[in-house]
Amino acid sequence: YMDTGATSHMTSSQGNLLSYFNLSNNNRGIIVRNNHSIPIYGYGHTNLSSPNPPLSLKHVLHAPNLLKT
């Protein structure tokens, strides 16, 4: 799901990323509902293709605990 007002693009699956950069010893997290923090494991780059026009996303955050509810 696209959110053009988002501060960062995010994914729960590392497999969605074409490149990957591990963030070891990272104290950063994604603040979600009820002020809970989800840890960020790394980031990478990906391309979105059909049925959308091609779109390149850089610095997509990888957070395995990220869930869509």
N, C-alpha and C. Protein backbone atom coordinates (compact mmCIF):
# COMPACT_ATOMS: atom_id res chain seq x y z
N TYR A 1 0.84 -1.17 0.00
CA TYR A 1 0.00 0.00 0.00
C TYR A 1 0.88 1.23 0.00
N MET A 2 0.60 2.15 -0.90
CA MET A 2 1.38 3.38 -0.99
C MET A 2 0.79 4.44 -0.06
N ASP A 3 1.67 5.16 0.60
CA ASP A 3 1.27 6.28 1.44
C ASP A 3 2.20 7.43 1.08
N THR A 4 1.74 8.34 0.23
CA THR A 4 2.61 9.41 -0.24
C THR A 4 2.93 10.41 0.86
N GLY A 5 2.19 10.38 1.97
CA GLY A 5 2.48 11.27 3.08
C GLY A 5 3.41 10.65 4.10
N ALA A 6 3.88 9.45 3.83
CA ALA A 6 4.73 8.74 4.78
C ALA A 6 6.11 9.38 4.86
N THR A 7 6.70 9.33 6.04
CA THR A 7 8.06 9.83 6.22
C THR A 7 9.07 8.89 5.58
N SER A 8 8.81 7.57 5.67
CA SER A 8 9.70 6.55 5.11
C SER A 8 8.87 5.44 4.49
N HIS A 9 9.44 4.81 3.48
CA HIS A 9 8.84 3.60 2.93
C HIS A 9 9.32 2.44 3.78
N MET A 10 8.47 1.42 3.97
CA MET A 10 8.79 0.31 4.87
C MET A 10 8.31 -1.00 4.29
N THR A 11 8.96 -2.10 4.68
CA THR A 11 8.54 -3.44 4.31
C THR A 11 8.84 -4.39 5.47
N SER A 12 8.04 -5.44 5.59
CA SER A 12 8.32 -6.45 6.60
C SER A 12 9.16 -7.59 6.03
N SER A 13 9.31 -7.62 4.70
CA SER A 13 10.02 -8.71 4.04
C SER A 13 11.30 -8.24 3.38
N GLN A 14 12.42 -8.78 3.81
CA GLN A 14 13.71 -8.44 3.20
C GLN A 14 13.74 -8.85 1.73
N GLY A 15 12.94 -9.88 1.37
CA GLY A 15 12.88 -10.37 0.01
C GLY A 15 12.31 -9.37 -0.98
N ASN A 16 11.65 -8.33 -0.49
CA ASN A 16 11.13 -7.28 -1.37
C ASN A 16 12.21 -6.32 -1.85
N LEU A 17 13.40 -6.41 -1.27
CA LEU A 17 14.46 -5.45 -1.55
C LEU A 17 15.50 -6.03 -2.51
N LEU A 18 15.93 -5.22 -3.48
CA LEU A 18 16.94 -5.65 -4.46
C LEU A 18 18.34 -5.58 -3.89
N SER A 19 18.57 -4.66 -2.97
CA SER A 19 19.84 -4.54 -2.27
C SER A 19 19.51 -4.44 -0.79
N TYR A 20 20.49 -4.75 0.06
CA TYR A 20 20.21 -4.74 1.51
C TYR A 20 21.44 -4.30 2.28
N PHE A 21 21.21 -3.44 3.24
CA PHE A 21 22.26 -2.93 4.11
C PHE A 21 21.83 -3.16 5.56
N ASN A 22 22.55 -4.01 6.25
CA ASN A 22 22.23 -4.37 7.63
C ASN A 22 22.53 -3.21 8.56
N LEU A 23 21.66 -2.98 9.52
CA LEU A 23 21.87 -1.94 10.53
C LEU A 23 22.12 -2.62 11.87
N SER A 24 23.34 -3.10 12.08
CA SER A 24 23.66 -3.73 13.35
C SER A 24 23.86 -2.67 14.42
N ASN A 25 23.60 -3.04 15.65
CA ASN A 25 23.70 -2.12 16.79
C ASN A 25 22.86 -0.87 16.57
N ASN A 26 21.68 -1.09 16.04
CA ASN A 26 20.78 0.01 15.71
C ASN A 26 19.80 0.23 16.86
N ASN A 27 19.69 1.44 17.32
CA ASN A 27 18.73 1.76 18.38
C ASN A 27 17.49 2.46 17.82
N ARG A 28 17.39 2.53 16.48
CA ARG A 28 16.25 3.20 15.87
C ARG A 28 15.08 2.25 15.74
N GLY A 29 13.89 2.81 15.72
CA GLY A 29 12.69 2.02 15.55
C GLY A 29 11.62 2.84 14.85
N ILE A 30 10.58 2.15 14.45
CA ILE A 30 9.42 2.79 13.83
C ILE A 30 8.36 2.92 14.92
N ILE A 31 7.94 4.13 15.19
CA ILE A 31 6.91 4.37 16.20
C ILE A 31 5.55 4.10 15.57
N VAL A 32 4.79 3.22 16.19
CA VAL A 32 3.47 2.86 15.70
C VAL A 32 2.44 3.16 16.77
N ARG A 33 1.24 2.69 16.52
CA ARG A 33 0.12 2.88 17.43
C ARG A 33 0.51 2.68 18.89
N ASN A 34 -0.07 3.44 19.77
CA ASN A 34 0.16 3.37 21.22
C ASN A 34 1.62 3.62 21.61
N ASN A 35 2.34 4.33 20.75
CA ASN A 35 3.75 4.68 20.98
C ASN A 35 4.68 3.48 21.11
N HIS A 36 4.30 2.31 20.58
CA HIS A 36 5.18 1.16 20.54
C HIS A 36 6.23 1.37 19.47
N SER A 37 7.40 0.79 19.66
CA SER A 37 8.49 0.91 18.70
C SER A 37 8.80 -0.46 18.09
N ILE A 38 8.88 -0.52 16.77
CA ILE A 38 9.24 -1.74 16.04
C ILE A 38 10.68 -1.57 15.57
N PRO A 39 11.56 -2.53 15.87
CA PRO A 39 12.96 -2.38 15.48
C PRO A 39 13.17 -2.44 13.95
N ILE A 40 14.12 -1.64 13.48
CA ILE A 40 14.52 -1.62 12.08
C ILE A 40 15.79 -2.49 11.97
N TYR A 41 15.76 -3.50 11.11
CA TYR A 41 16.90 -4.41 10.95
C TYR A 41 17.87 -3.94 9.87
N GLY A 42 17.36 -3.19 8.90
CA GLY A 42 18.20 -2.73 7.81
C GLY A 42 17.38 -1.91 6.84
N TYR A 43 17.95 -1.66 5.67
CA TYR A 43 17.25 -0.92 4.63
C TYR A 43 17.78 -1.35 3.27
N GLY A 44 17.05 -1.01 2.25
CA GLY A 44 17.48 -1.37 0.90
C GLY A 44 16.73 -0.58 -0.15
N HIS A 45 16.94 -1.00 -1.39
CA HIS A 45 16.33 -0.33 -2.54
C HIS A 45 15.47 -1.34 -3.29
N THR A 46 14.43 -0.84 -3.94
CA THR A 46 13.56 -1.71 -4.73
C THR A 46 12.92 -0.92 -5.85
N ASN A 47 12.33 -1.63 -6.79
CA ASN A 47 11.59 -1.02 -7.89
C ASN A 47 10.18 -1.58 -7.89
N LEU A 48 9.21 -0.71 -8.07
CA LEU A 48 7.83 -1.14 -8.24
C LEU A 48 7.54 -1.12 -9.74
N SER A 49 6.91 -2.18 -10.24
CA SER A 49 6.62 -2.26 -11.67
C SER A 49 5.13 -2.44 -11.89
N SER A 50 4.75 -3.01 -13.02
CA SER A 50 3.35 -3.19 -13.42
C SER A 50 2.50 -3.65 -12.26
N PRO A 51 1.27 -3.21 -12.20
CA PRO A 51 0.55 -2.39 -13.18
C PRO A 51 0.82 -0.90 -13.03
N ASN A 52 1.72 -0.54 -12.13
CA ASN A 52 2.06 0.87 -11.93
C ASN A 52 3.18 1.28 -12.87
N PRO A 53 3.32 2.58 -13.14
CA PRO A 53 4.51 3.01 -13.87
C PRO A 53 5.74 2.65 -13.02
N PRO A 54 6.87 2.35 -13.64
CA PRO A 54 8.06 2.00 -12.86
C PRO A 54 8.40 3.10 -11.84
N LEU A 55 8.72 2.67 -10.64
CA LEU A 55 9.04 3.60 -9.56
C LEU A 55 10.18 3.02 -8.74
N SER A 56 11.25 3.77 -8.58
CA SER A 56 12.40 3.33 -7.80
C SER A 56 12.31 3.91 -6.39
N LEU A 57 12.39 3.02 -5.39
CA LEU A 57 12.35 3.47 -3.99
C LEU A 57 13.70 3.20 -3.35
N LYS A 58 14.25 4.19 -2.71
CA LYS A 58 15.54 4.06 -2.04
C LYS A 58 15.34 4.18 -0.54
N HIS A 59 16.21 3.57 0.22
CA HIS A 59 16.19 3.62 1.68
C HIS A 59 14.87 3.12 2.26
N VAL A 60 14.38 1.99 1.73
CA VAL A 60 13.17 1.36 2.25
C VAL A 60 13.55 0.62 3.54
N LEU A 61 12.90 0.93 4.63
CA LEU A 61 13.23 0.33 5.92
C LEU A 61 12.71 -1.09 6.01
N HIS A 62 13.52 -1.99 6.57
CA HIS A 62 13.12 -3.38 6.78
C HIS A 62 12.83 -3.59 8.26
N ALA A 63 11.57 -3.88 8.57
CA ALA A 63 11.12 -4.13 9.94
C ALA A 63 10.27 -5.38 9.93
N PRO A 64 10.84 -6.56 10.25
CA PRO A 64 10.11 -7.82 10.16
C PRO A 64 8.83 -7.86 10.99
N ASN A 65 8.75 -7.09 12.06
CA ASN A 65 7.57 -7.11 12.93
C ASN A 65 6.45 -6.18 12.46
N LEU A 66 6.65 -5.53 11.32
CA LEU A 66 5.66 -4.62 10.78
C LEU A 66 4.48 -5.42 10.23
N LEU A 67 3.28 -5.09 10.68
CA LEU A 67 2.06 -5.79 10.27
C LEU A 67 1.04 -4.80 9.76
N LYS A 68 0.26 -5.22 8.78
CA LYS A 68 -0.87 -4.43 8.29
C LYS A 68 -2.11 -4.97 8.98
N THR A 69 -2.85 -4.11 9.66
CA THR A 69 -4.08 -4.55 10.33
C THR A 69 -5.28 -3.82 9.79
